[in-house]
Amino acid sequence: MIFIYYRIRNLREDADLSQEKLARLLHINQATYSRYETGDLEIPVSSLIKLAEFYSTSVDYLVNLTDSMEPYPKT
C-alpha cells in the first residue's frame, strides 16, 4: 500500500499545493498530513474520500487499485 503515499504527494506537488492547504481541507494539522505522505500514519477512509473528491479522482486511484485517474460516475 506504499503507493498511496507517493500518489498523494505527487498529486499535491503537481498541483503546487502546500501540505498546510491539504491539512486544512482535511481538518488536521500539517504534521499529521506530513505523516500521511511519509507512510508513518494510515490515512482514514474519510480523508481518502475528501482527497479523491478534491483531486477529481477515485479512492481506487489513490490506493493504487487502478492507474486511471478518472473518477467513477456518481449514482
PDB file of N, CA and C in Angstrom:
ATOM      1  N   MET A   1       0.823  -1.193   0.000  1.00  0.00           N
ATOM      2  CA  MET A   1       0.000   0.000   0.000  1.00  0.00           C
ATOM      3  C   MET A   1       0.866   1.255   0.000  1.00  0.00           C
ATOM      4  N   ILE A   2       2.134   1.089  -0.202  1.00  0.00           N
ATOM      5  CA  ILE A   2       3.045   2.223  -0.187  1.00  0.00           C
ATOM      6  C   ILE A   2       2.757   3.239  -1.291  1.00  0.00           C
ATOM      7  N   PHE A   3       2.153   2.801  -2.374  1.00  0.00           N
ATOM      8  CA  PHE A   3       1.891   3.703  -3.484  1.00  0.00           C
ATOM      9  C   PHE A   3       0.981   4.856  -3.107  1.00  0.00           C
ATOM     10  N   ILE A   4       0.109   4.634  -2.143  1.00  0.00           N
ATOM     11  CA  ILE A   4      -0.796   5.701  -1.743  1.00  0.00           C
ATOM     12  C   ILE A   4      -0.012   6.933  -1.298  1.00  0.00           C
ATOM     13  N   TYR A   5       1.081   6.726  -0.594  1.00  0.00           N
ATOM     14  CA  TYR A   5       1.852   7.843  -0.081  1.00  0.00           C
ATOM     15  C   TYR A   5       2.497   8.615  -1.221  1.00  0.00           C
ATOM     16  N   TYR A   6       2.997   7.886  -2.204  1.00  0.00           N
ATOM     17  CA  TYR A   6       3.573   8.555  -3.375  1.00  0.00           C
ATOM     18  C   TYR A   6       2.503   9.287  -4.171  1.00  0.00           C
ATOM     19  N   ARG A   7       1.357   8.667  -4.291  1.00  0.00           N
ATOM     20  CA  ARG A   7       0.300   9.286  -5.108  1.00  0.00           C
ATOM     21  C   ARG A   7      -0.214  10.571  -4.487  1.00  0.00           C
ATOM     22  N   ILE A   8      -0.456  10.581  -3.187  1.00  0.00           N
ATOM     23  CA  ILE A   8      -0.979  11.821  -2.612  1.00  0.00           C
ATOM     24  C   ILE A   8       0.086  12.917  -2.614  1.00  0.00           C
ATOM     25  N   ARG A   9       1.331  12.545  -2.439  1.00  0.00           N
ATOM     26  CA  ARG A   9       2.401  13.553  -2.501  1.00  0.00           C
ATOM     27  C   ARG A   9       2.554  14.087  -3.927  1.00  0.00           C
ATOM     28  N   ASN A  10       2.563  13.184  -4.898  1.00  0.00           N
ATOM     29  CA  ASN A  10       2.711  13.625  -6.282  1.00  0.00           C
ATOM     30  C   ASN A  10       1.540  14.480  -6.742  1.00  0.00           C
ATOM     31  N   LEU A  11       0.326  14.120  -6.373  1.00  0.00           N
ATOM     32  CA  LEU A  11      -0.835  14.932  -6.723  1.00  0.00           C
ATOM     33  C   LEU A  11      -0.722  16.324  -6.109  1.00  0.00           C
ATOM     34  N   ARG A  12      -0.311  16.385  -4.854  1.00  0.00           N
ATOM     35  CA  ARG A  12      -0.160  17.678  -4.182  1.00  0.00           C
ATOM     36  C   ARG A  12       0.918  18.522  -4.854  1.00  0.00           C
ATOM     37  N   GLU A  13       2.058  17.913  -5.118  1.00  0.00           N
ATOM     38  CA  GLU A  13       3.154  18.653  -5.745  1.00  0.00           C
ATOM     39  C   GLU A  13       2.804  19.082  -7.164  1.00  0.00           C
ATOM     40  N   ASP A  14       2.142  18.200  -7.922  1.00  0.00           N
ATOM     41  CA  ASP A  14       1.741  18.552  -9.289  1.00  0.00           C
ATOM     42  C   ASP A  14       0.772  19.731  -9.300  1.00  0.00           C
ATOM     43  N   ALA A  15      -0.045  19.841  -8.263  1.00  0.00           N
ATOM     44  CA  ALA A  15      -0.997  20.947  -8.158  1.00  0.00           C
ATOM     45  C   ALA A  15      -0.367  22.175  -7.495  1.00  0.00           C
ATOM     46  N   ASP A  16       0.915  22.067  -7.137  1.00  0.00           N
ATOM     47  CA  ASP A  16       1.656  23.157  -6.497  1.00  0.00           C
ATOM     48  C   ASP A  16       0.959  23.623  -5.218  1.00  0.00           C
ATOM     49  N   LEU A  17       0.583  22.652  -4.394  1.00  0.00           N
ATOM     50  CA  LEU A  17      -0.096  22.933  -3.139  1.00  0.00           C
ATOM     51  C   LEU A  17       0.807  22.606  -1.964  1.00  0.00           C
ATOM     52  N   SER A  18       0.579  23.282  -0.866  1.00  0.00           N
ATOM     53  CA  SER A  18       1.342  23.003   0.349  1.00  0.00           C
ATOM     54  C   SER A  18       0.652  21.914   1.167  1.00  0.00           C
ATOM     55  N   GLN A  19       1.422  21.286   2.018  1.00  0.00           N
ATOM     56  CA  GLN A  19       0.839  20.323   2.947  1.00  0.00           C
ATOM     57  C   GLN A  19      -0.161  21.025   3.854  1.00  0.00           C
ATOM     58  N   GLU A  20       0.115  22.260   4.200  1.00  0.00           N
ATOM     59  CA  GLU A  20      -0.772  23.030   5.072  1.00  0.00           C
ATOM     60  C   GLU A  20      -2.153  23.196   4.448  1.00  0.00           C
ATOM     61  N   LYS A  21      -2.204  23.479   3.148  1.00  0.00           N
ATOM     62  CA  LYS A  21      -3.503  23.640   2.474  1.00  0.00           C
ATOM     63  C   LYS A  21      -4.302  22.338   2.520  1.00  0.00           C
ATOM     64  N   LEU A  22      -3.641  21.219   2.245  1.00  0.00           N
ATOM     65  CA  LEU A  22      -4.341  19.929   2.289  1.00  0.00           C
ATOM     66  C   LEU A  22      -4.734  19.578   3.709  1.00  0.00           C
ATOM     67  N   ALA A  23      -3.904  19.920   4.670  1.00  0.00           N
ATOM     68  CA  ALA A  23      -4.239  19.669   6.071  1.00  0.00           C
ATOM     69  C   ALA A  23      -5.500  20.438   6.461  1.00  0.00           C
ATOM     70  N   ARG A  24      -5.609  21.695   6.026  1.00  0.00           N
ATOM     71  CA  ARG A  24      -6.821  22.473   6.317  1.00  0.00           C
ATOM     72  C   ARG A  24      -8.049  21.821   5.684  1.00  0.00           C
ATOM     73  N   LEU A  25      -7.908  21.339   4.458  1.00  0.00           N
ATOM     74  CA  LEU A  25      -9.019  20.664   3.780  1.00  0.00           C
ATOM     75  C   LEU A  25      -9.509  19.467   4.598  1.00  0.00           C
ATOM     76  N   LEU A  26      -8.575  18.757   5.195  1.00  0.00           N
ATOM     77  CA  LEU A  26      -8.898  17.541   5.953  1.00  0.00           C
ATOM     78  C   LEU A  26      -9.169  17.813   7.434  1.00  0.00           C
ATOM     79  N   HIS A  27      -9.046  19.070   7.860  1.00  0.00           N
ATOM     80  CA  HIS A  27      -9.266  19.466   9.259  1.00  0.00           C
ATOM     81  C   HIS A  27      -8.303  18.749  10.196  1.00  0.00           C
ATOM     82  N   ILE A  28      -7.045  18.726   9.787  1.00  0.00           N
ATOM     83  CA  ILE A  28      -5.970  18.144  10.600  1.00  0.00           C
ATOM     84  C   ILE A  28      -4.811  19.131  10.598  1.00  0.00           C
ATOM     85  N   ASN A  29      -3.789  18.864  11.397  1.00  0.00           N
ATOM     86  CA  ASN A  29      -2.635  19.765  11.351  1.00  0.00           C
ATOM     87  C   ASN A  29      -1.631  19.289  10.296  1.00  0.00           C
ATOM     88  N   GLN A  30      -0.724  20.169   9.945  1.00  0.00           N
ATOM     89  CA  GLN A  30       0.241  19.890   8.872  1.00  0.00           C
ATOM     90  C   GLN A  30       1.123  18.696   9.222  1.00  0.00           C
ATOM     91  N   ALA A  31       1.486  18.551  10.481  1.00  0.00           N
ATOM     92  CA  ALA A  31       2.348  17.435  10.882  1.00  0.00           C
ATOM     93  C   ALA A  31       1.649  16.089  10.632  1.00  0.00           C
ATOM     94  N   THR A  32       0.356  16.036  10.887  1.00  0.00           N
ATOM     95  CA  THR A  32      -0.403  14.807  10.624  1.00  0.00           C
ATOM     96  C   THR A  32      -0.422  14.514   9.133  1.00  0.00           C
ATOM     97  N   TYR A  33      -0.679  15.551   8.328  1.00  0.00           N
ATOM     98  CA  TYR A  33      -0.694  15.340   6.880  1.00  0.00           C
ATOM     99  C   TYR A  33       0.675  14.873   6.394  1.00  0.00           C
ATOM    100  N   SER A  34       1.717  15.442   6.923  1.00  0.00           N
ATOM    101  CA  SER A  34       3.073  15.027   6.552  1.00  0.00           C
ATOM    102  C   SER A  34       3.282  13.551   6.853  1.00  0.00           C
ATOM    103  N   ARG A  35       2.760  13.095   7.973  1.00  0.00           N
ATOM    104  CA  ARG A  35       2.880  11.682   8.334  1.00  0.00           C
ATOM    105  C   ARG A  35       2.087  10.795   7.380  1.00  0.00           C
ATOM    106  N   TYR A  36       0.996  11.302   6.812  1.00  0.00           N
ATOM    107  CA  TYR A  36       0.268  10.558   5.774  1.00  0.00           C
ATOM    108  C   TYR A  36       1.178  10.349   4.561  1.00  0.00           C
ATOM    109  N   GLU A  37       1.857  11.422   4.154  1.00  0.00           N
ATOM    110  CA  GLU A  37       2.694  11.341   2.952  1.00  0.00           C
ATOM    111  C   GLU A  37       3.927  10.472   3.138  1.00  0.00           C
ATOM    112  N   THR A  38       4.413  10.367   4.345  1.00  0.00           N
ATOM    113  CA  THR A  38       5.598   9.535   4.585  1.00  0.00           C
ATOM    114  C   THR A  38       5.237   8.085   4.902  1.00  0.00           C
ATOM    115  N   GLY A  39       3.953   7.840   5.127  1.00  0.00           N
ATOM    116  CA  GLY A  39       3.526   6.487   5.458  1.00  0.00           C
ATOM    117  C   GLY A  39       3.657   6.154   6.928  1.00  0.00           C
ATOM    118  N   ASP A  40       3.950   7.157   7.752  1.00  0.00           N
ATOM    119  CA  ASP A  40       4.062   6.927   9.185  1.00  0.00           C
ATOM    120  C   ASP A  40       2.706   6.827   9.875  1.00  0.00           C
ATOM    121  N   LEU A  41       1.646   7.221   9.154  1.00  0.00           N
ATOM    122  CA  LEU A  41       0.310   7.206   9.713  1.00  0.00           C
ATOM    123  C   LEU A  41      -0.672   6.796   8.623  1.00  0.00           C
ATOM    124  N   GLU A  42      -1.554   5.857   8.944  1.00  0.00           N
ATOM    125  CA  GLU A  42      -2.562   5.439   7.965  1.00  0.00           C
ATOM    126  C   GLU A  42      -3.581   6.547   7.752  1.00  0.00           C
ATOM    127  N   ILE A  43      -4.025   6.670   6.522  1.00  0.00           N
ATOM    128  CA  ILE A  43      -4.991   7.702   6.171  1.00  0.00           C
ATOM    129  C   ILE A  43      -6.392   7.149   6.386  1.00  0.00           C
ATOM    130  N   PRO A  44      -7.217   7.835   7.173  1.00  0.00           N
ATOM    131  CA  PRO A  44      -8.594   7.368   7.373  1.00  0.00           C
ATOM    132  C   PRO A  44      -9.382   7.399   6.060  1.00  0.00           C
ATOM    133  N   VAL A  45     -10.336   6.512   5.946  1.00  0.00           N
ATOM    134  CA  VAL A  45     -11.152   6.430   4.734  1.00  0.00           C
ATOM    135  C   VAL A  45     -11.827   7.766   4.443  1.00  0.00           C
ATOM    136  N   SER A  46     -12.318   8.439   5.476  1.00  0.00           N
ATOM    137  CA  SER A  46     -12.977   9.733   5.252  1.00  0.00           C
ATOM    138  C   SER A  46     -12.030  10.739   4.611  1.00  0.00           C
ATOM    139  N   SER A  47     -10.769  10.702   4.978  1.00  0.00           N
ATOM    140  CA  SER A  47      -9.778  11.599   4.371  1.00  0.00           C
ATOM    141  C   SER A  47      -9.462  11.186   2.943  1.00  0.00           C
ATOM    142  N   LEU A  48      -9.405   9.886   2.694  1.00  0.00           N
ATOM    143  CA  LEU A  48      -9.192   9.412   1.326  1.00  0.00           C
ATOM    144  C   LEU A  48     -10.309   9.882   0.404  1.00  0.00           C
ATOM    145  N   ILE A  49     -11.533   9.817   0.896  1.00  0.00           N
ATOM    146  CA  ILE A  49     -12.677  10.264   0.096  1.00  0.00           C
ATOM    147  C   ILE A  49     -12.564  11.756  -0.199  1.00  0.00           C
ATOM    148  N   LYS A  50     -12.237  12.551   0.817  1.00  0.00           N
ATOM    149  CA  LYS A  50     -12.085  14.000   0.609  1.00  0.00           C
ATOM    150  C   LYS A  50     -10.975  14.290  -0.392  1.00  0.00           C
ATOM    151  N   LEU A  51      -9.860  13.584  -0.292  1.00  0.00           N
ATOM    152  CA  LEU A  51      -8.752  13.798  -1.228  1.00  0.00           C
ATOM    153  C   LEU A  51      -9.147  13.407  -2.646  1.00  0.00           C
ATOM    154  N   ALA A  52      -9.839  12.289  -2.788  1.00  0.00           N
ATOM    155  CA  ALA A  52     -10.280  11.853  -4.116  1.00  0.00           C
ATOM    156  C   ALA A  52     -11.223  12.881  -4.721  1.00  0.00           C
ATOM    157  N   GLU A  53     -12.139  13.401  -3.932  1.00  0.00           N
ATOM    158  CA  GLU A  53     -13.051  14.423  -4.434  1.00  0.00           C
ATOM    159  C   GLU A  53     -12.304  15.708  -4.782  1.00  0.00           C
ATOM    160  N   PHE A  54     -11.374  16.100  -3.940  1.00  0.00           N
ATOM    161  CA  PHE A  54     -10.604  17.321  -4.172  1.00  0.00           C
ATOM    162  C   PHE A  54      -9.811  17.232  -5.481  1.00  0.00           C
ATOM    163  N   TYR A  55      -9.192  16.091  -5.716  1.00  0.00           N
ATOM    164  CA  TYR A  55      -8.367  15.912  -6.918  1.00  0.00           C
ATOM    165  C   TYR A  55      -9.162  15.388  -8.117  1.00  0.00           C
ATOM    166  N   SER A  56     -10.460  15.217  -7.955  1.00  0.00           N
ATOM    167  CA  SER A  56     -11.328  14.692  -9.030  1.00  0.00           C
ATOM    168  C   SER A  56     -10.807  13.361  -9.561  1.00  0.00           C
ATOM    169  N   THR A  57     -10.565  12.470  -8.638  1.00  0.00           N
ATOM    170  CA  THR A  57     -10.118  11.128  -8.989  1.00  0.00           C
ATOM    171  C   THR A  57     -10.894  10.136  -8.126  1.00  0.00           C
ATOM    172  N   SER A  58     -10.454   8.905  -8.085  1.00  0.00           N
ATOM    173  CA  SER A  58     -11.132   7.900  -7.259  1.00  0.00           C
ATOM    174  C   SER A  58     -10.222   7.452  -6.114  1.00  0.00           C
ATOM    175  N   VAL A  59     -10.840   6.936  -5.088  1.00  0.00           N
ATOM    176  CA  VAL A  59     -10.065   6.358  -3.994  1.00  0.00           C
ATOM    177  C   VAL A  59      -9.243   5.185  -4.530  1.00  0.00           C
ATOM    178  N   ASP A  60      -9.798   4.453  -5.488  1.00  0.00           N
ATOM    179  CA  ASP A  60      -9.054   3.342  -6.091  1.00  0.00           C
ATOM    180  C   ASP A  60      -7.740   3.823  -6.695  1.00  0.00           C
ATOM    181  N   TYR A  61      -7.748   4.994  -7.311  1.00  0.00           N
ATOM    182  CA  TYR A  61      -6.506   5.535  -7.858  1.00  0.00           C
ATOM    183  C   TYR A  61      -5.537   5.858  -6.725  1.00  0.00           C
ATOM    184  N   LEU A  62      -6.040   6.479  -5.679  1.00  0.00           N
ATOM    185  CA  LEU A  62      -5.165   6.856  -4.569  1.00  0.00           C
ATOM    186  C   LEU A  62      -4.508   5.650  -3.918  1.00  0.00           C
ATOM    187  N   VAL A  63      -5.233   4.542  -3.822  1.00  0.00           N
ATOM    188  CA  VAL A  63      -4.680   3.348  -3.162  1.00  0.00           C
ATOM    189  C   VAL A  63      -4.076   2.358  -4.154  1.00  0.00           C
ATOM    190  N   ASN A  64      -3.906   2.796  -5.393  1.00  0.00           N
ATOM    191  CA  ASN A  64      -3.207   2.037  -6.425  1.00  0.00           C
ATOM    192  C   ASN A  64      -3.944   0.776  -6.878  1.00  0.00           C
ATOM    193  N   LEU A  65      -5.268   0.818  -6.840  1.00  0.00           N
ATOM    194  CA  LEU A  65      -6.032  -0.301  -7.393  1.00  0.00           C
ATOM    195  C   LEU A  65      -6.299  -0.108  -8.881  1.00  0.00           C
ATOM    196  N   THR A  66      -6.061   1.111  -9.361  1.00  0.00           N
ATOM    197  CA  THR A  66      -6.186   1.412 -10.782  1.00  0.00           C
ATOM    198  C   THR A  66      -5.182   2.506 -11.135  1.00  0.00           C
ATOM    199  N   ASP A  67      -4.788   2.543 -12.393  1.00  0.00           N
ATOM    200  CA  ASP A  67      -3.921   3.615 -12.874  1.00  0.00           C
ATOM    201  C   ASP A  67      -4.722   4.712 -13.554  1.00  0.00           C
ATOM    202  N   SER A  68      -6.022   4.514 -13.661  1.00  0.00           N
ATOM    203  CA  SER A  68      -6.898   5.523 -14.269  1.00  0.00           C
ATOM    204  C   SER A  68      -7.237   6.580 -13.215  1.00  0.00           C
ATOM    205  N   MET A  69      -6.980   7.823 -13.569  1.00  0.00           N
ATOM    206  CA  MET A  69      -7.284   8.924 -12.649  1.00  0.00           C
ATOM    207  C   MET A  69      -8.747   9.359 -12.739  1.00  0.00           C
ATOM    208  N   GLU A  70      -9.475   8.851 -13.716  1.00  0.00           N
ATOM    209  CA  GLU A  70     -10.870   9.262 -13.913  1.00  0.00           C
ATOM    210  C   GLU A  70     -11.711   8.843 -12.705  1.00  0.00           C
ATOM    211  N   PRO A  71     -12.511   9.759 -12.162  1.00  0.00           N
ATOM    212  CA  PRO A  71     -13.402   9.375 -11.059  1.00  0.00           C
ATOM    213  C   PRO A  71     -14.542   8.517 -11.575  1.00  0.00           C
ATOM    214  N   TYR A  72     -15.112   7.762 -10.688  1.00  0.00           N
ATOM    215  CA  TYR A  72     -16.282   6.971 -11.047  1.00  0.00           C
ATOM    216  C   TYR A  72     -17.483   7.892 -11.158  1.00  0.00           C
ATOM    217  N   PRO A  73     -18.420   7.562 -12.036  1.00  0.00           N
ATOM    218  CA  PRO A  73     -19.624   8.389 -12.120  1.00  0.00           C
ATOM    219  C   PRO A  73     -20.438   8.281 -10.835  1.00  0.00           C
ATOM    220  N   LYS A  74     -21.022   9.391 -10.445  1.00  0.00           N
ATOM    221  CA  LYS A  74     -21.890   9.395  -9.249  1.00  0.00           C
ATOM    222  C   LYS A  74     -23.230   8.793  -9.626  1.00  0.00           C
ATOM    223  N   THR A  75     -23.778   8.012  -8.705  1.00  0.00           N
ATOM    224  CA  THR A  75     -25.075   7.392  -8.980  1.00  0.00           C
ATOM    225  C   THR A  75     -26.164   8.062  -8.186  1.00  0.00           C
TER     226      THR A  75
END
